[in-house]
Amino acid sequence: MSVSTSTRTASHSDAASLPTPTQHGSDLGLLALRWGVGLTMAAHGSQKLFGWFDGNGLDGTAEFFAGNGYSAAKSMAVVAGLTETLCGLGLVIGLLTPLAAAGIVGIMLNVIAVEWGGGFFGPAGIEFELLLLIAAVSLALAGPGRFAADRLLPLPVLRTHRLSHCVAAVTLGAAAAGIVLVTLRS
């Protein structure tokens, strides 16, 4: 009797460690969300940095920042372009996901602050930026899922998904946005 109980317990614990179909669906959903947000942000960043995808490049982006009251407009163009590109690609591969999402949170909060007077809908509205902001916060809080480079990182603290770290990352992104808005925008 004890043999069958231990066999049953071992097979039960092995089955409990296997992912369920729901877990696979959640992981695939997170992967799709990471790719959608990440590729969108990386494309926007490459528009700013290189003028790809009908973008304005660094000079045009710097003019945009200067026109919206940002001092050090050229530096802001570089920072925004690099943040969007690198954080977007970080989300695509699932690398340092909470920090990648935090970078996008900071960028989107700045964009929303600039476009706030344009209403919610329309060409000058904030609905698209708000959606990207909420998606980035959601990814930071939910984690990257199993199909992510985060799972391959050497330090256990970087591989694990802890809510406190994710909340700290989102808070960092929001604080960085606030600092930029207060110090670099007139």
N, C-alpha and C. Protein backbone atom coordinates (compact mmCIF):
# COMPACT_ATOMS: atom_id res chain seq x y z
N MET A 1 0.82 -1.18 0.00
CA MET A 1 0.00 0.00 0.00
C MET A 1 0.86 1.24 0.00
N SER A 2 1.93 1.24 0.75
CA SER A 2 2.78 2.42 0.78
C SER A 2 3.48 2.65 -0.56
N VAL A 3 3.76 1.57 -1.30
CA VAL A 3 4.39 1.72 -2.61
C VAL A 3 3.43 2.41 -3.57
N SER A 4 2.19 1.97 -3.59
CA SER A 4 1.23 2.58 -4.51
C SER A 4 0.95 4.03 -4.11
N THR A 5 0.94 4.32 -2.81
CA THR A 5 0.72 5.69 -2.36
C THR A 5 1.88 6.57 -2.80
N SER A 6 3.14 6.09 -2.63
CA SER A 6 4.28 6.91 -3.03
C SER A 6 4.34 7.05 -4.55
N THR A 7 3.95 6.01 -5.29
CA THR A 7 3.90 6.12 -6.74
C THR A 7 2.86 7.12 -7.16
N ARG A 8 1.70 7.04 -6.52
CA ARG A 8 0.63 7.97 -6.84
C ARG A 8 1.05 9.40 -6.48
N THR A 9 1.75 9.58 -5.37
CA THR A 9 2.19 10.91 -4.94
C THR A 9 3.24 11.44 -5.91
N ALA A 10 4.18 10.59 -6.32
CA ALA A 10 5.22 11.03 -7.24
C ALA A 10 4.62 11.43 -8.58
N SER A 11 3.71 10.61 -9.09
CA SER A 11 3.11 10.95 -10.39
C SER A 11 2.22 12.18 -10.26
N HIS A 12 1.57 12.34 -9.10
CA HIS A 12 0.73 13.52 -8.88
C HIS A 12 1.59 14.79 -8.85
N SER A 13 2.75 14.73 -8.14
CA SER A 13 3.60 15.92 -8.07
C SER A 13 4.24 16.21 -9.42
N ASP A 14 4.58 15.17 -10.20
CA ASP A 14 5.11 15.39 -11.54
C ASP A 14 4.07 16.05 -12.41
N ALA A 15 2.84 15.59 -12.33
CA ALA A 15 1.77 16.18 -13.14
C ALA A 15 1.49 17.61 -12.72
N ALA A 16 1.63 17.90 -11.43
CA ALA A 16 1.37 19.27 -10.95
C ALA A 16 2.42 20.24 -11.47
N SER A 17 3.65 19.75 -11.76
CA SER A 17 4.70 20.65 -12.23
C SER A 17 4.62 20.89 -13.75
N LEU A 18 3.84 20.09 -14.46
CA LEU A 18 3.69 20.29 -15.90
C LEU A 18 2.73 21.44 -16.17
N PRO A 19 3.03 22.22 -17.21
CA PRO A 19 2.12 23.33 -17.53
C PRO A 19 0.78 22.81 -18.02
N THR A 20 -0.25 23.49 -17.63
CA THR A 20 -1.58 23.14 -18.10
C THR A 20 -1.84 23.87 -19.41
N PRO A 21 -2.86 23.43 -20.17
CA PRO A 21 -3.19 24.15 -21.40
C PRO A 21 -3.49 25.63 -21.15
N THR A 22 -4.06 25.96 -19.99
CA THR A 22 -4.33 27.36 -19.67
C THR A 22 -3.04 28.13 -19.51
N GLN A 23 -2.03 27.52 -18.88
CA GLN A 23 -0.74 28.18 -18.75
C GLN A 23 -0.11 28.42 -20.11
N HIS A 24 -0.21 27.45 -21.01
CA HIS A 24 0.32 27.63 -22.36
C HIS A 24 -0.39 28.80 -23.04
N GLY A 25 -1.70 28.88 -22.89
CA GLY A 25 -2.46 29.98 -23.49
C GLY A 25 -2.05 31.31 -22.92
N SER A 26 -1.84 31.38 -21.62
CA SER A 26 -1.40 32.63 -20.99
C SER A 26 -0.01 33.02 -21.47
N ASP A 27 0.88 32.04 -21.57
CA ASP A 27 2.23 32.31 -22.04
C ASP A 27 2.22 32.80 -23.49
N LEU A 28 1.40 32.19 -24.31
CA LEU A 28 1.30 32.64 -25.71
C LEU A 28 0.65 34.02 -25.80
N GLY A 29 -0.32 34.29 -24.94
CA GLY A 29 -0.94 35.61 -24.91
C GLY A 29 0.06 36.68 -24.50
N LEU A 30 0.89 36.39 -23.49
CA LEU A 30 1.92 37.34 -23.08
C LEU A 30 2.96 37.54 -24.18
N LEU A 31 3.31 36.46 -24.87
CA LEU A 31 4.25 36.56 -25.99
C LEU A 31 3.68 37.46 -27.09
N ALA A 32 2.43 37.26 -27.44
CA ALA A 32 1.80 38.09 -28.47
C ALA A 32 1.74 39.56 -28.04
N LEU A 33 1.40 39.81 -26.78
CA LEU A 33 1.35 41.18 -26.28
C LEU A 33 2.74 41.80 -26.27
N ARG A 34 3.74 41.05 -25.84
CA ARG A 34 5.12 41.56 -25.84
C ARG A 34 5.55 41.91 -27.25
N TRP A 35 5.26 41.03 -28.22
CA TRP A 35 5.65 41.30 -29.61
C TRP A 35 4.92 42.51 -30.16
N GLY A 36 3.62 42.60 -29.91
CA GLY A 36 2.85 43.72 -30.43
C GLY A 36 3.34 45.05 -29.89
N VAL A 37 3.48 45.15 -28.58
CA VAL A 37 3.94 46.40 -27.96
C VAL A 37 5.41 46.64 -28.30
N GLY A 38 6.21 45.59 -28.18
CA GLY A 38 7.66 45.74 -28.41
C GLY A 38 8.00 46.15 -29.82
N LEU A 39 7.41 45.50 -30.81
CA LEU A 39 7.70 45.86 -32.19
C LEU A 39 7.18 47.24 -32.54
N THR A 40 6.03 47.61 -31.99
CA THR A 40 5.49 48.95 -32.21
C THR A 40 6.45 49.99 -31.66
N MET A 41 6.92 49.78 -30.44
CA MET A 41 7.82 50.75 -29.81
C MET A 41 9.18 50.78 -30.51
N ALA A 42 9.71 49.63 -30.89
CA ALA A 42 10.99 49.60 -31.60
C ALA A 42 10.89 50.31 -32.94
N ALA A 43 9.77 50.16 -33.63
CA ALA A 43 9.58 50.86 -34.91
C ALA A 43 9.52 52.36 -34.68
N HIS A 44 8.81 52.80 -33.65
CA HIS A 44 8.74 54.23 -33.33
C HIS A 44 10.13 54.77 -32.98
N GLY A 45 10.89 54.01 -32.24
CA GLY A 45 12.25 54.43 -31.89
C GLY A 45 13.14 54.54 -33.11
N SER A 46 13.01 53.59 -34.04
CA SER A 46 13.84 53.65 -35.25
C SER A 46 13.42 54.81 -36.16
N GLN A 47 12.15 55.21 -36.07
CA GLN A 47 11.73 56.42 -36.79
C GLN A 47 12.50 57.63 -36.25
N LYS A 48 12.61 57.70 -34.94
CA LYS A 48 13.29 58.83 -34.31
C LYS A 48 14.80 58.80 -34.56
N LEU A 49 15.40 57.64 -34.43
CA LEU A 49 16.85 57.53 -34.54
C LEU A 49 17.35 57.57 -35.98
N PHE A 50 16.68 56.85 -36.86
CA PHE A 50 17.21 56.64 -38.21
C PHE A 50 16.32 57.17 -39.33
N GLY A 51 15.14 57.65 -39.00
CA GLY A 51 14.21 58.11 -40.03
C GLY A 51 13.54 56.97 -40.78
N TRP A 52 13.65 55.75 -40.26
CA TRP A 52 13.01 54.60 -40.91
C TRP A 52 11.50 54.71 -40.80
N PHE A 53 10.79 53.97 -41.63
CA PHE A 53 9.32 53.90 -41.60
C PHE A 53 8.70 55.30 -41.68
N ASP A 54 9.21 56.11 -42.59
CA ASP A 54 8.72 57.48 -42.80
C ASP A 54 8.88 58.36 -41.56
N GLY A 55 9.90 58.09 -40.76
CA GLY A 55 10.14 58.89 -39.57
C GLY A 55 10.92 60.16 -39.86
N ASN A 56 11.06 60.99 -38.86
CA ASN A 56 11.72 62.28 -39.00
C ASN A 56 13.21 62.25 -38.72
N GLY A 57 13.74 61.13 -38.21
CA GLY A 57 15.14 61.07 -37.84
C GLY A 57 15.40 61.93 -36.62
N LEU A 58 16.67 62.02 -36.24
CA LEU A 58 17.03 62.76 -35.03
C LEU A 58 16.76 64.25 -35.15
N ASP A 59 17.06 64.83 -36.30
CA ASP A 59 16.86 66.28 -36.44
C ASP A 59 15.38 66.64 -36.37
N GLY A 60 14.54 65.91 -37.09
CA GLY A 60 13.11 66.18 -37.05
C GLY A 60 12.50 65.92 -35.68
N THR A 61 12.99 64.87 -35.02
CA THR A 61 12.49 64.57 -33.68
C THR A 61 12.93 65.64 -32.69
N ALA A 62 14.16 66.12 -32.84
CA ALA A 62 14.64 67.21 -31.98
C ALA A 62 13.80 68.46 -32.18
N GLU A 63 13.44 68.77 -33.42
CA GLU A 63 12.56 69.92 -33.68
C GLU A 63 11.20 69.73 -33.00
N PHE A 64 10.68 68.52 -33.05
CA PHE A 64 9.41 68.22 -32.38
C PHE A 64 9.52 68.48 -30.88
N PHE A 65 10.59 67.97 -30.26
CA PHE A 65 10.78 68.17 -28.82
C PHE A 65 10.93 69.65 -28.50
N ALA A 66 11.71 70.37 -29.29
CA ALA A 66 11.90 71.81 -29.06
C ALA A 66 10.57 72.55 -29.19
N GLY A 67 9.77 72.17 -30.18
CA GLY A 67 8.47 72.80 -30.38
C GLY A 67 7.47 72.52 -29.27
N ASN A 68 7.72 71.47 -28.50
CA ASN A 68 6.84 71.13 -27.38
C ASN A 68 7.43 71.53 -26.04
N GLY A 69 8.43 72.41 -26.06
CA GLY A 69 8.95 72.99 -24.84
C GLY A 69 10.03 72.22 -24.11
N TYR A 70 10.61 71.21 -24.73
CA TYR A 70 11.68 70.46 -24.08
C TYR A 70 13.01 71.16 -24.32
N SER A 71 13.77 71.39 -23.25
CA SER A 71 15.14 71.88 -23.42
C SER A 71 16.00 70.67 -23.79
N ALA A 72 17.17 70.94 -24.30
CA ALA A 72 18.07 69.86 -24.74
C ALA A 72 17.33 68.91 -25.68
N ALA A 73 16.72 69.51 -26.69
CA ALA A 73 15.85 68.75 -27.60
C ALA A 73 16.58 67.63 -28.33
N LYS A 74 17.80 67.87 -28.75
CA LYS A 74 18.56 66.83 -29.47
C LYS A 74 18.85 65.65 -28.54
N SER A 75 19.24 65.95 -27.31
CA SER A 75 19.48 64.87 -26.34
C SER A 75 18.20 64.10 -26.05
N MET A 76 17.10 64.83 -25.93
CA MET A 76 15.81 64.17 -25.70
C MET A 76 15.44 63.27 -26.86
N ALA A 77 15.74 63.69 -28.08
CA ALA A 77 15.45 62.87 -29.26
C ALA A 77 16.24 61.57 -29.21
N VAL A 78 17.51 61.67 -28.83
CA VAL A 78 18.35 60.46 -28.73
C VAL A 78 17.84 59.55 -27.62
N VAL A 79 17.56 60.13 -26.45
CA VAL A 79 17.08 59.33 -25.31
C VAL A 79 15.75 58.66 -25.65
N ALA A 80 14.82 59.42 -26.23
CA ALA A 80 13.51 58.85 -26.58
C ALA A 80 13.67 57.75 -27.63
N GLY A 81 14.47 58.00 -28.65
CA GLY A 81 14.67 56.99 -29.70
C GLY A 81 15.32 55.73 -29.17
N LEU A 82 16.36 55.89 -28.36
CA LEU A 82 17.03 54.71 -27.78
C LEU A 82 16.12 53.97 -26.82
N THR A 83 15.39 54.71 -26.00
CA THR A 83 14.49 54.06 -25.04
C THR A 83 13.43 53.26 -25.77
N GLU A 84 12.79 53.87 -26.76
CA GLU A 84 11.74 53.16 -27.50
C GLU A 84 12.30 51.94 -28.22
N THR A 85 13.46 52.09 -28.86
CA THR A 85 14.04 50.98 -29.62
C THR A 85 14.49 49.85 -28.70
N LEU A 86 15.31 50.19 -27.71
CA LEU A 86 15.88 49.14 -26.85
C LEU A 86 14.84 48.50 -25.94
N CYS A 87 13.96 49.30 -25.37
CA CYS A 87 12.91 48.73 -24.51
C CYS A 87 11.92 47.92 -25.35
N GLY A 88 11.64 48.39 -26.55
CA GLY A 88 10.76 47.62 -27.44
C GLY A 88 11.37 46.27 -27.77
N LEU A 89 12.65 46.26 -28.13
CA LEU A 89 13.32 44.99 -28.45
C LEU A 89 13.45 44.12 -27.20
N GLY A 90 13.64 44.74 -26.04
CA GLY A 90 13.67 43.98 -24.78
C GLY A 90 12.36 43.25 -24.56
N LEU A 91 11.23 43.93 -24.84
CA LEU A 91 9.94 43.25 -24.70
C LEU A 91 9.78 42.13 -25.72
N VAL A 92 10.23 42.36 -26.95
CA VAL A 92 10.09 41.34 -27.99
C VAL A 92 10.75 40.04 -27.56
N ILE A 93 11.97 40.12 -27.03
CA ILE A 93 12.66 38.88 -26.64
C ILE A 93 12.41 38.51 -25.19
N GLY A 94 11.75 39.39 -24.44
CA GLY A 94 11.46 39.10 -23.04
C GLY A 94 12.68 39.21 -22.16
N LEU A 95 13.50 40.22 -22.42
CA LEU A 95 14.73 40.41 -21.67
C LEU A 95 14.58 41.58 -20.71
N LEU A 96 14.79 41.32 -19.42
CA LEU A 96 14.62 42.34 -18.37
C LEU A 96 13.26 43.03 -18.54
N THR A 97 12.26 42.22 -18.66
CA THR A 97 10.91 42.67 -19.02
C THR A 97 10.37 43.80 -18.14
N PRO A 98 10.47 43.72 -16.82
CA PRO A 98 9.94 44.84 -16.03
C PRO A 98 10.64 46.17 -16.33
N LEU A 99 11.95 46.13 -16.56
CA LEU A 99 12.66 47.37 -16.88
C LEU A 99 12.33 47.86 -18.28
N ALA A 100 12.20 46.94 -19.23
CA ALA A 100 11.81 47.33 -20.58
C ALA A 100 10.43 47.97 -20.56
N ALA A 101 9.52 47.38 -19.82
CA ALA A 101 8.18 47.96 -19.70
C ALA A 101 8.22 49.31 -19.00
N ALA A 102 9.10 49.45 -18.00
CA ALA A 102 9.22 50.73 -17.29
C ALA A 102 9.68 51.84 -18.22
N GLY A 103 10.60 51.53 -19.12
CA GLY A 103 11.04 52.53 -20.09
C GLY A 103 9.90 53.00 -20.97
N ILE A 104 9.06 52.07 -21.38
CA ILE A 104 7.91 52.42 -22.21
C ILE A 104 6.89 53.22 -21.40
N VAL A 105 6.73 52.88 -20.14
CA VAL A 105 5.83 53.65 -19.27
C VAL A 105 6.30 55.10 -19.22
N GLY A 106 7.59 55.32 -19.01
CA GLY A 106 8.12 56.68 -18.95
C GLY A 106 7.90 57.45 -20.24
N ILE A 107 8.17 56.81 -21.36
CA ILE A 107 7.97 57.47 -22.66
C ILE A 107 6.50 57.81 -22.86
N MET A 108 5.61 56.86 -22.60
CA MET A 108 4.19 57.08 -22.86
C MET A 108 3.61 58.15 -21.94
N LEU A 109 4.07 58.23 -20.71
CA LEU A 109 3.60 59.29 -19.82
C LEU A 109 4.00 60.67 -20.36
N ASN A 110 5.20 60.77 -20.93
CA ASN A 110 5.62 62.03 -21.54
C ASN A 110 4.78 62.37 -22.76
N VAL A 111 4.52 61.38 -23.58
CA VAL A 111 3.70 61.63 -24.78
C VAL A 111 2.29 62.06 -24.38
N ILE A 112 1.72 61.39 -23.40
CA ILE A 112 0.37 61.74 -22.95
C ILE A 112 0.35 63.17 -22.38
N ALA A 113 1.40 63.54 -21.65
CA ALA A 113 1.48 64.90 -21.11
C ALA A 113 1.52 65.93 -22.23
N VAL A 114 2.26 65.64 -23.30
CA VAL A 114 2.36 66.57 -24.42
C VAL A 114 1.04 66.67 -25.16
N GLU A 115 0.36 65.54 -25.35
CA GLU A 115 -0.86 65.51 -26.17
C GLU A 115 -2.14 65.64 -25.35
N TRP A 116 -2.04 65.92 -24.08
CA TRP A 116 -3.20 65.94 -23.19
C TRP A 116 -4.31 66.85 -23.68
N GLY A 117 -4.00 68.00 -24.20
CA GLY A 117 -5.01 68.96 -24.62
C GLY A 117 -5.75 68.56 -25.89
N GLY A 118 -5.30 67.51 -26.57
CA GLY A 118 -5.92 67.10 -27.83
C GLY A 118 -7.12 66.20 -27.68
N GLY A 119 -7.55 65.93 -26.45
CA GLY A 119 -8.69 65.05 -26.23
C GLY A 119 -8.29 63.59 -26.20
N PHE A 120 -9.29 62.75 -26.12
CA PHE A 120 -9.03 61.31 -26.05
C PHE A 120 -8.91 60.68 -27.42
N PHE A 121 -9.83 61.03 -28.34
CA PHE A 121 -9.84 60.45 -29.68
C PHE A 121 -9.25 61.41 -30.69
N GLY A 122 -8.98 60.91 -31.86
CA GLY A 122 -8.56 61.76 -32.96
C GLY A 122 -7.07 61.79 -33.16
N PRO A 123 -6.63 62.55 -34.17
CA PRO A 123 -5.21 62.59 -34.52
C PRO A 123 -4.32 63.10 -33.39
N ALA A 124 -4.82 64.01 -32.58
CA ALA A 124 -4.04 64.54 -31.47
C ALA A 124 -4.48 63.93 -30.14
N GLY A 125 -5.27 62.88 -30.19
CA GLY A 125 -5.77 62.24 -28.97
C GLY A 125 -4.74 61.35 -28.32
N ILE A 126 -5.09 60.84 -27.17
CA ILE A 126 -4.14 60.04 -26.39
C ILE A 126 -4.53 58.56 -26.29
N GLU A 127 -5.58 58.14 -27.02
CA GLU A 127 -6.05 56.77 -26.82
C GLU A 127 -4.99 55.73 -27.17
N PHE A 128 -4.22 55.93 -28.24
CA PHE A 128 -3.19 54.97 -28.63
C PHE A 128 -2.07 54.92 -27.59
N GLU A 129 -1.63 56.08 -27.15
CA GLU A 129 -0.56 56.15 -26.16
C GLU A 129 -1.00 55.56 -24.83
N LEU A 130 -2.25 55.83 -24.46
CA LEU A 130 -2.78 55.27 -23.21
C LEU A 130 -2.85 53.75 -23.30
N LEU A 131 -3.23 53.22 -24.44
CA LEU A 131 -3.28 51.78 -24.63
C LEU A 131 -1.88 51.16 -24.50
N LEU A 132 -0.87 51.80 -25.11
CA LEU A 132 0.50 51.30 -24.98
C LEU A 132 0.99 51.39 -23.53
N LEU A 133 0.62 52.47 -22.84
CA LEU A 133 0.99 52.62 -21.44
C LEU A 133 0.39 51.50 -20.60
N ILE A 134 -0.89 51.24 -20.77
CA ILE A 134 -1.57 50.20 -19.99
C ILE A 134 -1.01 48.82 -20.34
N ALA A 135 -0.69 48.59 -21.60
CA ALA A 135 -0.10 47.31 -22.00
C ALA A 135 1.27 47.13 -21.36
N ALA A 136 2.08 48.19 -21.32
CA ALA A 136 3.40 48.10 -20.71
C ALA A 136 3.29 47.83 -19.21
N VAL A 137 2.39 48.52 -18.53
CA VAL A 137 2.18 48.27 -17.10
C VAL A 137 1.71 46.82 -16.90
N SER A 138 0.81 46.37 -17.73
CA SER A 138 0.30 45.00 -17.62
C SER A 138 1.41 43.98 -17.80
N LEU A 139 2.29 44.20 -18.77
CA LEU A 139 3.40 43.27 -18.99
C LEU A 139 4.37 43.29 -17.81
N ALA A 140 4.62 44.47 -17.27
CA ALA A 140 5.51 44.54 -16.11
C ALA A 140 4.92 43.77 -14.94
N LEU A 141 3.63 43.91 -14.71
CA LEU A 141 3.00 43.25 -13.57
C LEU A 141 2.79 41.76 -13.79
N ALA A 142 2.41 41.37 -15.01
CA ALA A 142 2.13 39.95 -15.29
C ALA A 142 3.39 39.15 -15.53
N GLY A 143 4.44 39.79 -15.98
CA GLY A 143 5.67 39.08 -16.31
C GLY A 143 5.67 38.68 -17.77
N PRO A 144 6.80 38.19 -18.24
CA PRO A 144 6.96 37.91 -19.66
C PRO A 144 6.37 36.58 -20.12
N GLY A 145 6.03 35.71 -19.20
CA GLY A 145 5.60 34.36 -19.57
C GLY A 145 6.81 33.45 -19.74
N ARG A 146 6.53 32.20 -20.07
CA ARG A 146 7.62 31.21 -20.17
C ARG A 146 8.46 31.37 -21.42
N PHE A 147 7.93 31.98 -22.46
CA PHE A 147 8.66 32.11 -23.72
C PHE A 147 9.41 33.44 -23.74
N ALA A 148 10.41 33.56 -22.86
CA ALA A 148 11.13 34.82 -22.71
C ALA A 148 12.58 34.55 -22.35
N ALA A 149 13.44 35.47 -22.77
CA ALA A 149 14.86 35.37 -22.46
C ALA A 149 15.13 35.54 -20.97
N ASP A 150 14.22 36.16 -20.25
CA ASP A 150 14.39 36.32 -18.80
C ASP A 150 14.63 34.98 -18.11
N ARG A 151 14.05 33.93 -18.62
CA ARG A 151 14.18 32.60 -18.01
C ARG A 151 15.60 32.05 -18.14
N LEU A 152 16.42 32.64 -19.03
CA LEU A 152 17.78 32.16 -19.27
C LEU A 152 18.84 32.96 -18.53
N LEU A 153 18.44 34.00 -17.82
CA LEU A 153 19.40 34.86 -17.14
C LEU A 153 20.09 34.10 -16.02
N PRO A 154 21.38 34.40 -15.77
CA PRO A 154 22.15 33.62 -14.79
C PRO A 154 21.77 33.86 -13.34
N LEU A 155 21.34 35.07 -12.99
CA LEU A 155 21.01 35.35 -11.60
C LEU A 155 19.56 35.03 -11.32
N PRO A 156 19.30 34.24 -10.27
CA PRO A 156 17.92 33.88 -9.95
C PRO A 156 17.00 35.09 -9.74
N VAL A 157 17.53 36.17 -9.18
CA VAL A 157 16.70 37.34 -8.93
C VAL A 157 16.21 37.95 -10.25
N LEU A 158 16.95 37.77 -11.33
CA LEU A 158 16.53 38.27 -12.64
C LEU A 158 15.59 37.31 -13.36
N ARG A 159 15.67 36.03 -13.00
CA ARG A 159 14.81 35.02 -13.65
C ARG A 159 13.42 34.98 -13.05
N THR A 160 13.32 35.32 -11.78
CA THR A 160 12.03 35.19 -11.11
C THR A 160 11.20 36.45 -11.30
N HIS A 161 9.92 36.26 -11.22
CA HIS A 161 8.99 37.38 -11.39
C HIS A 161 8.40 37.70 -10.03
N ARG A 162 8.79 38.82 -9.47
CA ARG A 162 8.28 39.23 -8.17
C ARG A 162 7.49 40.50 -8.34
N LEU A 163 6.31 40.51 -7.78
CA LEU A 163 5.43 41.67 -7.91
C LEU A 163 6.09 42.93 -7.38
N SER A 164 6.82 42.82 -6.28
CA SER A 164 7.46 44.01 -5.71
C SER A 164 8.47 44.61 -6.67
N HIS A 165 9.23 43.77 -7.39
CA HIS A 165 10.19 44.28 -8.37
C HIS A 165 9.46 44.94 -9.53
N CYS A 166 8.36 44.37 -9.92
CA CYS A 166 7.60 44.91 -11.06
C CYS A 166 6.96 46.24 -10.72
N VAL A 167 6.41 46.34 -9.52
CA VAL A 167 5.83 47.61 -9.07
C VAL A 167 6.93 48.66 -8.97
N ALA A 168 8.11 48.26 -8.48
CA ALA A 168 9.23 49.19 -8.40
C ALA A 168 9.66 49.66 -9.78
N ALA A 169 9.67 48.76 -10.76
CA ALA A 169 10.05 49.14 -12.12
C ALA A 169 9.06 50.13 -12.72
N VAL A 170 7.77 49.87 -12.55
CA VAL A 170 6.75 50.78 -13.08
C VAL A 170 6.86 52.13 -12.37
N THR A 171 7.10 52.12 -11.08
CA THR A 171 7.27 53.35 -10.32
C THR A 171 8.50 54.12 -10.82
N LEU A 172 9.57 53.40 -11.11
CA LEU A 172 10.77 54.02 -11.66
C LEU A 172 10.48 54.69 -13.01
N GLY A 173 9.75 54.01 -13.88
CA GLY A 173 9.38 54.60 -15.17
C GLY A 173 8.54 55.85 -15.00
N ALA A 174 7.59 55.81 -14.08
CA ALA A 174 6.73 56.98 -13.83
C ALA A 174 7.54 58.11 -13.22
N ALA A 175 8.44 57.80 -12.31
CA ALA A 175 9.28 58.83 -11.68
C ALA A 175 10.20 59.48 -12.71
N ALA A 176 10.79 58.67 -13.58
CA ALA A 176 11.65 59.22 -14.63
C ALA A 176 10.86 60.15 -15.54
N ALA A 177 9.64 59.76 -15.88
CA ALA A 177 8.79 60.63 -16.70
C ALA A 177 8.51 61.93 -15.99
N GLY A 178 8.22 61.86 -14.71
CA GLY A 178 7.95 63.06 -13.94
C GLY A 178 9.16 63.98 -13.88
N ILE A 179 10.33 63.41 -13.68
CA ILE A 179 11.57 64.20 -13.63
C ILE A 179 11.80 64.90 -14.96
N VAL A 180 11.63 64.17 -16.05
CA VAL A 180 11.81 64.76 -17.38
C VAL A 180 10.81 65.89 -17.60
N LEU A 181 9.57 65.65 -17.25
CA LEU A 181 8.54 66.68 -17.46
C LEU A 181 8.79 67.92 -16.61
N VAL A 182 9.24 67.74 -15.38
CA VAL A 182 9.46 68.88 -14.49
C VAL A 182 10.74 69.63 -14.83
N THR A 183 11.80 68.91 -15.15
CA THR A 183 13.10 69.57 -15.34
C THR A 183 13.41 69.95 -16.78
N LEU A 184 12.89 69.21 -17.75
CA LEU A 184 13.29 69.44 -19.14
C LEU A 184 12.20 70.03 -20.02
N ARG A 185 11.05 70.27 -19.47
CA ARG A 185 9.96 70.82 -20.27
C ARG A 185 9.46 72.09 -19.61
N SER A 186 9.40 73.15 -20.42
CA SER A 186 8.94 74.43 -19.85
C SER A 186 7.46 74.63 -20.07
